[in-house]
Amino acid sequence: MRKSQQQLAKPATICSLILISLTACTPSPAVDQQALAAEAGAISQRFVGTLLPTLQQALQNGGPAAAIEVCSVQAPAIASALSEETGWQVGRVSLKARNRSLATPDSWESARLEEFDQRQRDGEAGPDINTAAIVAGEFRYLQAQPVMPLCLNCHGSDLSPEVRNALQVHYPDDLATGYSSGEIRGAISLRKSLE
């Protein structure tokens, strides 16, 4: 390489290194975790606000066994529709899953659900229990689902034979019974990629 080419190469190399350094040092935009948590909370409320009236109507029209059938179809459909509409992945999880293929928690969710149980035992009201965090490039949010009196028809300890039969048909591997009012039955889980 001639001396003049070497002299031209050095400034170009220095400029390239400066540009690479500036690019690497430029901070990525800050994640507004409070705004994401508020958005996730609103989506979880929409989920409950859609599912609860559907279950109440099924209970009125056909009793608890009919509500089990409706829930087995409607809850996943509502979660899917909200996921598609909002860009969040929406689902439900529980340490005692009713639908193991859809509601089994991952390790982060399991740890938070155990914390939720403790928070409830310490006197915190179920509807107030939630958490949010950035985990592996995703914003994660869990909203506790406490057991309401209505839930005891299908999630309590004293289940009718009709309910037991419906559970066997729709959820043969069901673990989600034996609850008392106010306990944390599970959570609505939301996640959104930050990448």
C-alpha atoms as a PDB file:
ATOM      1  CA  MET A   1       0.000   0.000   0.000  1.00  0.00           C
ATOM      2  CA  ARG A   2       1.366   3.425  -0.888  1.00  0.00           C
ATOM      3  CA  LYS A   3       1.903   6.010   1.796  1.00  0.00           C
ATOM      4  CA  SER A   4      -0.987   8.210   0.551  1.00  0.00           C
ATOM      5  CA  GLN A   5      -3.372   5.223   0.662  1.00  0.00           C
ATOM      6  CA  GLN A   6      -2.165   4.407   4.183  1.00  0.00           C
ATOM      7  CA  GLN A   7      -2.765   7.997   5.253  1.00  0.00           C
ATOM      8  CA  LEU A   8      -6.324   7.859   3.813  1.00  0.00           C
ATOM      9  CA  ALA A   9      -7.010   4.502   5.464  1.00  0.00           C
ATOM     10  CA  LYS A  10      -6.119   5.710   8.961  1.00  0.00           C
ATOM     11  CA  PRO A  11      -8.743   8.504   9.177  1.00  0.00           C
ATOM     12  CA  ALA A  12     -11.363   6.210   7.666  1.00  0.00           C
ATOM     13  CA  THR A  13     -10.527   3.521  10.229  1.00  0.00           C
ATOM     14  CA  ILE A  14     -10.567   6.042  13.082  1.00  0.00           C
ATOM     15  CA  CYS A  15     -13.919   7.415  11.914  1.00  0.00           C
ATOM     16  CA  SER A  16     -15.324   3.890  11.678  1.00  0.00           C
ATOM     17  CA  LEU A  17     -14.134   3.086  15.208  1.00  0.00           C
ATOM     18  CA  ILE A  18     -15.631   6.310  16.562  1.00  0.00           C
ATOM     19  CA  LEU A  19     -18.944   5.567  14.830  1.00  0.00           C
ATOM     20  CA  ILE A  20     -18.986   2.002  16.197  1.00  0.00           C
ATOM     21  CA  SER A  21     -18.146   3.299  19.693  1.00  0.00           C
ATOM     22  CA  LEU A  22     -20.863   5.944  19.563  1.00  0.00           C
ATOM     23  CA  THR A  23     -23.410   3.404  18.357  1.00  0.00           C
ATOM     24  CA  ALA A  24     -22.440   0.931  21.077  1.00  0.00           C
ATOM     25  CA  CYS A  25     -22.562   3.624  23.764  1.00  0.00           C
ATOM     26  CA  THR A  26     -25.903   5.086  22.719  1.00  0.00           C
ATOM     27  CA  PRO A  27     -28.381   3.920  25.342  1.00  0.00           C
ATOM     28  CA  SER A  28     -31.438   2.097  24.133  1.00  0.00           C
ATOM     29  CA  PRO A  29     -34.712   3.878  24.787  1.00  0.00           C
ATOM     30  CA  ALA A  30     -35.860   3.453  28.374  1.00  0.00           C
ATOM     31  CA  VAL A  31     -38.693   1.046  28.982  1.00  0.00           C
ATOM     32  CA  ASP A  32     -41.638   2.738  30.681  1.00  0.00           C
ATOM     33  CA  GLN A  33     -42.458  -0.107  33.039  1.00  0.00           C
ATOM     34  CA  GLN A  34     -45.213   1.846  34.750  1.00  0.00           C
ATOM     35  CA  ALA A  35     -47.026   2.428  31.452  1.00  0.00           C
ATOM     36  CA  LEU A  36     -46.606  -1.217  30.439  1.00  0.00           C
ATOM     37  CA  ALA A  37     -47.935  -2.387  33.819  1.00  0.00           C
ATOM     38  CA  ALA A  38     -50.951  -0.091  33.464  1.00  0.00           C
ATOM     39  CA  GLU A  39     -51.610  -1.422  29.957  1.00  0.00           C
ATOM     40  CA  ALA A  40     -51.272  -5.027  31.121  1.00  0.00           C
ATOM     41  CA  GLY A  41     -53.566  -4.350  34.085  1.00  0.00           C
ATOM     42  CA  ALA A  42     -56.208  -2.921  31.778  1.00  0.00           C
ATOM     43  CA  ILE A  43     -55.991  -5.981  29.512  1.00  0.00           C
ATOM     44  CA  SER A  44     -56.345  -8.347  32.480  1.00  0.00           C
ATOM     45  CA  GLN A  45     -59.443  -6.404  33.570  1.00  0.00           C
ATOM     46  CA  ARG A  46     -60.871  -6.759  30.071  1.00  0.00           C
ATOM     47  CA  PHE A  47     -60.270 -10.505  30.265  1.00  0.00           C
ATOM     48  CA  VAL A  48     -62.152 -10.771  33.564  1.00  0.00           C
ATOM     49  CA  GLY A  49     -64.813  -8.320  32.403  1.00  0.00           C
ATOM     50  CA  THR A  50     -65.512 -10.505  29.375  1.00  0.00           C
ATOM     51  CA  LEU A  51     -65.287 -13.951  31.001  1.00  0.00           C
ATOM     52  CA  LEU A  52     -67.180 -13.272  34.241  1.00  0.00           C
ATOM     53  CA  PRO A  53     -70.525 -12.265  32.670  1.00  0.00           C
ATOM     54  CA  THR A  54     -70.260 -15.250  30.315  1.00  0.00           C
ATOM     55  CA  LEU A  55     -69.828 -17.601  33.279  1.00  0.00           C
ATOM     56  CA  GLN A  56     -72.619 -15.926  35.243  1.00  0.00           C
ATOM     57  CA  GLN A  57     -74.981 -16.357  32.287  1.00  0.00           C
ATOM     58  CA  ALA A  58     -74.001 -20.021  31.918  1.00  0.00           C
ATOM     59  CA  LEU A  59     -74.612 -20.573  35.650  1.00  0.00           C
ATOM     60  CA  GLN A  60     -78.068 -19.002  35.393  1.00  0.00           C
ATOM     61  CA  ASN A  61     -79.006 -20.933  32.265  1.00  0.00           C
ATOM     62  CA  GLY A  62     -77.588 -24.366  33.011  1.00  0.00           C
ATOM     63  CA  GLY A  63     -75.906 -24.441  36.394  1.00  0.00           C
ATOM     64  CA  PRO A  64     -72.253 -25.095  37.306  1.00  0.00           C
ATOM     65  CA  ALA A  65     -71.794 -27.974  34.860  1.00  0.00           C
ATOM     66  CA  ALA A  66     -72.790 -25.666  31.987  1.00  0.00           C
ATOM     67  CA  ALA A  67     -70.366 -23.022  33.287  1.00  0.00           C
ATOM     68  CA  ILE A  68     -67.527 -25.555  33.188  1.00  0.00           C
ATOM     69  CA  GLU A  69     -68.287 -26.332  29.565  1.00  0.00           C
ATOM     70  CA  VAL A  70     -68.482 -22.631  28.660  1.00  0.00           C
ATOM     71  CA  CYS A  71     -65.266 -21.838  30.525  1.00  0.00           C
ATOM     72  CA  SER A  72     -63.364 -24.636  28.793  1.00  0.00           C
ATOM     73  CA  VAL A  73     -64.098 -23.011  25.433  1.00  0.00           C
ATOM     74  CA  GLN A  74     -64.595 -19.313  26.178  1.00  0.00           C
ATOM     75  CA  ALA A  75     -61.620 -18.578  28.457  1.00  0.00           C
ATOM     76  CA  PRO A  76     -59.002 -19.681  25.885  1.00  0.00           C
ATOM     77  CA  ALA A  77     -60.942 -17.921  23.108  1.00  0.00           C
ATOM     78  CA  ILE A  78     -61.045 -14.647  25.071  1.00  0.00           C
ATOM     79  CA  ALA A  79     -57.308 -14.894  25.816  1.00  0.00           C
ATOM     80  CA  SER A  80     -56.569 -15.588  22.155  1.00  0.00           C
ATOM     81  CA  ALA A  81     -58.695 -12.666  20.940  1.00  0.00           C
ATOM     82  CA  LEU A  82     -57.054 -10.269  23.402  1.00  0.00           C
ATOM     83  CA  SER A  83     -53.606 -11.511  22.402  1.00  0.00           C
ATOM     84  CA  GLU A  84     -54.330 -10.901  18.738  1.00  0.00           C
ATOM     85  CA  GLU A  85     -55.882  -7.486  19.360  1.00  0.00           C
ATOM     86  CA  THR A  86     -53.290  -6.103  21.789  1.00  0.00           C
ATOM     87  CA  GLY A  87     -49.988  -7.687  20.794  1.00  0.00           C
ATOM     88  CA  TRP A  88     -49.572  -9.124  24.301  1.00  0.00           C
ATOM     89  CA  GLN A  89     -49.526 -12.855  24.989  1.00  0.00           C
ATOM     90  CA  VAL A  90     -52.491 -13.354  27.346  1.00  0.00           C
ATOM     91  CA  GLY A  91     -53.281 -16.472  29.349  1.00  0.00           C
ATOM     92  CA  ARG A  92     -54.066 -17.852  32.778  1.00  0.00           C
ATOM     93  CA  VAL A  93     -51.776 -19.848  35.041  1.00  0.00           C
ATOM     94  CA  SER A  94     -52.184 -21.671  38.340  1.00  0.00           C
ATOM     95  CA  LEU A  95     -50.135 -23.758  40.737  1.00  0.00           C
ATOM     96  CA  LYS A  96     -53.147 -26.114  40.638  1.00  0.00           C
ATOM     97  CA  ALA A  97     -53.938 -25.990  36.937  1.00  0.00           C
ATOM     98  CA  ARG A  98     -57.326 -27.035  35.642  1.00  0.00           C
ATOM     99  CA  ASN A  99     -56.147 -27.103  32.024  1.00  0.00           C
ATOM    100  CA  ARG A 100     -52.522 -28.236  32.226  1.00  0.00           C
ATOM    101  CA  SER A 101     -51.805 -27.637  28.547  1.00  0.00           C
ATOM    102  CA  LEU A 102     -52.748 -23.948  28.826  1.00  0.00           C
ATOM    103  CA  ALA A 103     -52.397 -23.020  32.500  1.00  0.00           C
ATOM    104  CA  THR A 104     -49.172 -24.593  33.766  1.00  0.00           C
ATOM    105  CA  PRO A 105     -46.876 -21.789  34.973  1.00  0.00           C
ATOM    106  CA  ASP A 106     -43.236 -21.403  34.003  1.00  0.00           C
ATOM    107  CA  SER A 107     -40.597 -20.960  36.714  1.00  0.00           C
ATOM    108  CA  TRP A 108     -41.023 -17.167  36.976  1.00  0.00           C
ATOM    109  CA  GLU A 109     -44.816 -17.483  37.190  1.00  0.00           C
ATOM    110  CA  SER A 110     -44.581 -20.301  39.770  1.00  0.00           C
ATOM    111  CA  ALA A 111     -42.378 -18.217  42.051  1.00  0.00           C
ATOM    112  CA  ARG A 112     -44.700 -15.200  41.758  1.00  0.00           C
ATOM    113  CA  LEU A 113     -47.795 -17.349  42.407  1.00  0.00           C
ATOM    114  CA  GLU A 114     -46.200 -18.661  45.608  1.00  0.00           C
ATOM    115  CA  GLU A 115     -45.537 -15.038  46.604  1.00  0.00           C
ATOM    116  CA  PHE A 116     -49.175 -14.199  45.794  1.00  0.00           C
ATOM    117  CA  ASP A 117     -50.346 -16.982  48.128  1.00  0.00           C
ATOM    118  CA  GLN A 118     -48.197 -15.572  50.913  1.00  0.00           C
ATOM    119  CA  ARG A 119     -49.352 -11.999  50.292  1.00  0.00           C
ATOM    120  CA  GLN A 120     -52.969 -13.176  50.510  1.00  0.00           C
ATOM    121  CA  ARG A 121     -52.275 -15.080  53.744  1.00  0.00           C
ATOM    122  CA  ASP A 122     -50.631 -11.918  55.116  1.00  0.00           C
ATOM    123  CA  GLY A 123     -53.902 -10.057  54.578  1.00  0.00           C
ATOM    124  CA  GLU A 124     -53.508  -8.390  51.174  1.00  0.00           C
ATOM    125  CA  ALA A 125     -56.734  -8.365  49.155  1.00  0.00           C
ATOM    126  CA  GLY A 126     -56.619 -10.647  46.112  1.00  0.00           C
ATOM    127  CA  PRO A 127     -57.683  -8.024  43.548  1.00  0.00           C
ATOM    128  CA  ASP A 128     -54.781  -5.805  44.692  1.00  0.00           C
ATOM    129  CA  ILE A 129     -52.146  -8.492  44.178  1.00  0.00           C
ATOM    130  CA  ASN A 130     -50.101  -8.200  41.002  1.00  0.00           C
ATOM    131  CA  THR A 131     -46.498  -7.958  39.903  1.00  0.00           C
ATOM    132  CA  ALA A 132     -44.475  -6.929  36.886  1.00  0.00           C
ATOM    133  CA  ALA A 133     -40.871  -7.417  35.762  1.00  0.00           C
ATOM    134  CA  ILE A 134     -38.621  -7.542  32.749  1.00  0.00           C
ATOM    135  CA  VAL A 135     -37.562 -11.145  32.243  1.00  0.00           C
ATOM    136  CA  ALA A 136     -35.378 -12.351  29.357  1.00  0.00           C
ATOM    137  CA  GLY A 137     -36.288  -9.495  27.013  1.00  0.00           C
ATOM    138  CA  GLU A 138     -40.013  -9.565  27.828  1.00  0.00           C
ATOM    139  CA  PHE A 139     -42.203  -7.435  30.026  1.00  0.00           C
ATOM    140  CA  ARG A 140     -44.091  -9.862  32.281  1.00  0.00           C
ATOM    141  CA  TYR A 141     -47.215  -9.094  34.310  1.00  0.00           C
ATOM    142  CA  LEU A 142     -49.324 -11.265  36.612  1.00  0.00           C
ATOM    143  CA  GLN A 143     -52.686 -10.295  38.101  1.00  0.00           C
ATOM    144  CA  ALA A 144     -53.942 -12.543  40.885  1.00  0.00           C
ATOM    145  CA  GLN A 145     -57.284 -14.283  40.474  1.00  0.00           C
ATOM    146  CA  PRO A 146     -58.805 -14.712  43.914  1.00  0.00           C
ATOM    147  CA  VAL A 147     -61.561 -17.224  44.561  1.00  0.00           C
ATOM    148  CA  MET A 148     -64.934 -15.467  44.685  1.00  0.00           C
ATOM    149  CA  PRO A 149     -68.023 -17.148  46.145  1.00  0.00           C
ATOM    150  CA  LEU A 150     -69.209 -17.833  42.583  1.00  0.00           C
ATOM    151  CA  CYS A 151     -65.987 -19.797  41.906  1.00  0.00           C
ATOM    152  CA  LEU A 152     -66.677 -22.260  44.735  1.00  0.00           C
ATOM    153  CA  ASN A 153     -69.338 -23.988  42.607  1.00  0.00           C
ATOM    154  CA  CYS A 154     -66.542 -25.495  40.510  1.00  0.00           C
ATOM    155  CA  HIS A 155     -63.361 -24.844  42.502  1.00  0.00           C
ATOM    156  CA  GLY A 156     -64.454 -25.466  46.109  1.00  0.00           C
ATOM    157  CA  SER A 157     -64.293 -28.568  48.281  1.00  0.00           C
ATOM    158  CA  ASP A 158     -67.959 -29.559  48.274  1.00  0.00           C
ATOM    159  CA  LEU A 159     -68.689 -30.256  44.597  1.00  0.00           C
ATOM    160  CA  SER A 160     -71.889 -31.800  43.328  1.00  0.00           C
ATOM    161  CA  PRO A 161     -71.759 -35.096  41.389  1.00  0.00           C
ATOM    162  CA  GLU A 162     -72.868 -33.161  38.295  1.00  0.00           C
ATOM    163  CA  VAL A 163     -69.864 -30.818  38.624  1.00  0.00           C
ATOM    164  CA  ARG A 164     -67.460 -33.707  39.248  1.00  0.00           C
ATOM    165  CA  ASN A 165     -68.739 -35.418  36.095  1.00  0.00           C
ATOM    166  CA  ALA A 166     -68.386 -32.233  34.027  1.00  0.00           C
ATOM    167  CA  LEU A 167     -64.844 -31.742  35.309  1.00  0.00           C
ATOM    168  CA  GLN A 168     -63.977 -35.315  34.371  1.00  0.00           C
ATOM    169  CA  VAL A 169     -65.284 -34.741  30.836  1.00  0.00           C
ATOM    170  CA  HIS A 170     -63.666 -31.328  30.200  1.00  0.00           C
ATOM    171  CA  TYR A 171     -60.625 -31.464  32.496  1.00  0.00           C
ATOM    172  CA  PRO A 172     -59.683 -35.083  33.283  1.00  0.00           C
ATOM    173  CA  ASP A 173     -56.386 -33.964  34.898  1.00  0.00           C
ATOM    174  CA  ASP A 174     -57.972 -31.173  36.956  1.00  0.00           C
ATOM    175  CA  LEU A 175     -56.120 -30.001  40.072  1.00  0.00           C
ATOM    176  CA  ALA A 176     -58.102 -26.795  40.675  1.00  0.00           C
ATOM    177  CA  THR A 177     -60.474 -27.807  43.479  1.00  0.00           C
ATOM    178  CA  GLY A 178     -60.448 -27.560  47.263  1.00  0.00           C
ATOM    179  CA  TYR A 179     -60.234 -23.771  47.400  1.00  0.00           C
ATOM    180  CA  SER A 180     -61.816 -21.456  49.945  1.00  0.00           C
ATOM    181  CA  SER A 181     -63.203 -18.004  49.245  1.00  0.00           C
ATOM    182  CA  GLY A 182     -60.462 -15.365  48.987  1.00  0.00           C
ATOM    183  CA  GLU A 183     -57.603 -17.747  48.250  1.00  0.00           C
ATOM    184  CA  ILE A 184     -55.492 -17.120  45.163  1.00  0.00           C
ATOM    185  CA  ARG A 185     -56.590 -19.603  42.527  1.00  0.00           C
ATOM    186  CA  GLY A 186     -54.112 -18.447  39.913  1.00  0.00           C
ATOM    187  CA  ALA A 187     -53.318 -15.402  37.827  1.00  0.00           C
ATOM    188  CA  ILE A 188     -53.852 -13.771  34.484  1.00  0.00           C
ATOM    189  CA  SER A 189     -50.457 -13.786  32.812  1.00  0.00           C
ATOM    190  CA  LEU A 190     -49.383 -11.258  30.229  1.00  0.00           C
ATOM    191  CA  ARG A 191     -46.091 -10.961  28.392  1.00  0.00           C
ATOM    192  CA  LYS A 192     -44.801  -8.665  25.681  1.00  0.00           C
ATOM    193  CA  SER A 193     -41.495  -8.777  23.842  1.00  0.00           C
ATOM    194  CA  LEU A 194     -39.314  -5.702  24.291  1.00  0.00           C
ATOM    195  CA  GLU A 195     -37.090  -6.546  21.324  1.00  0.00           C
END
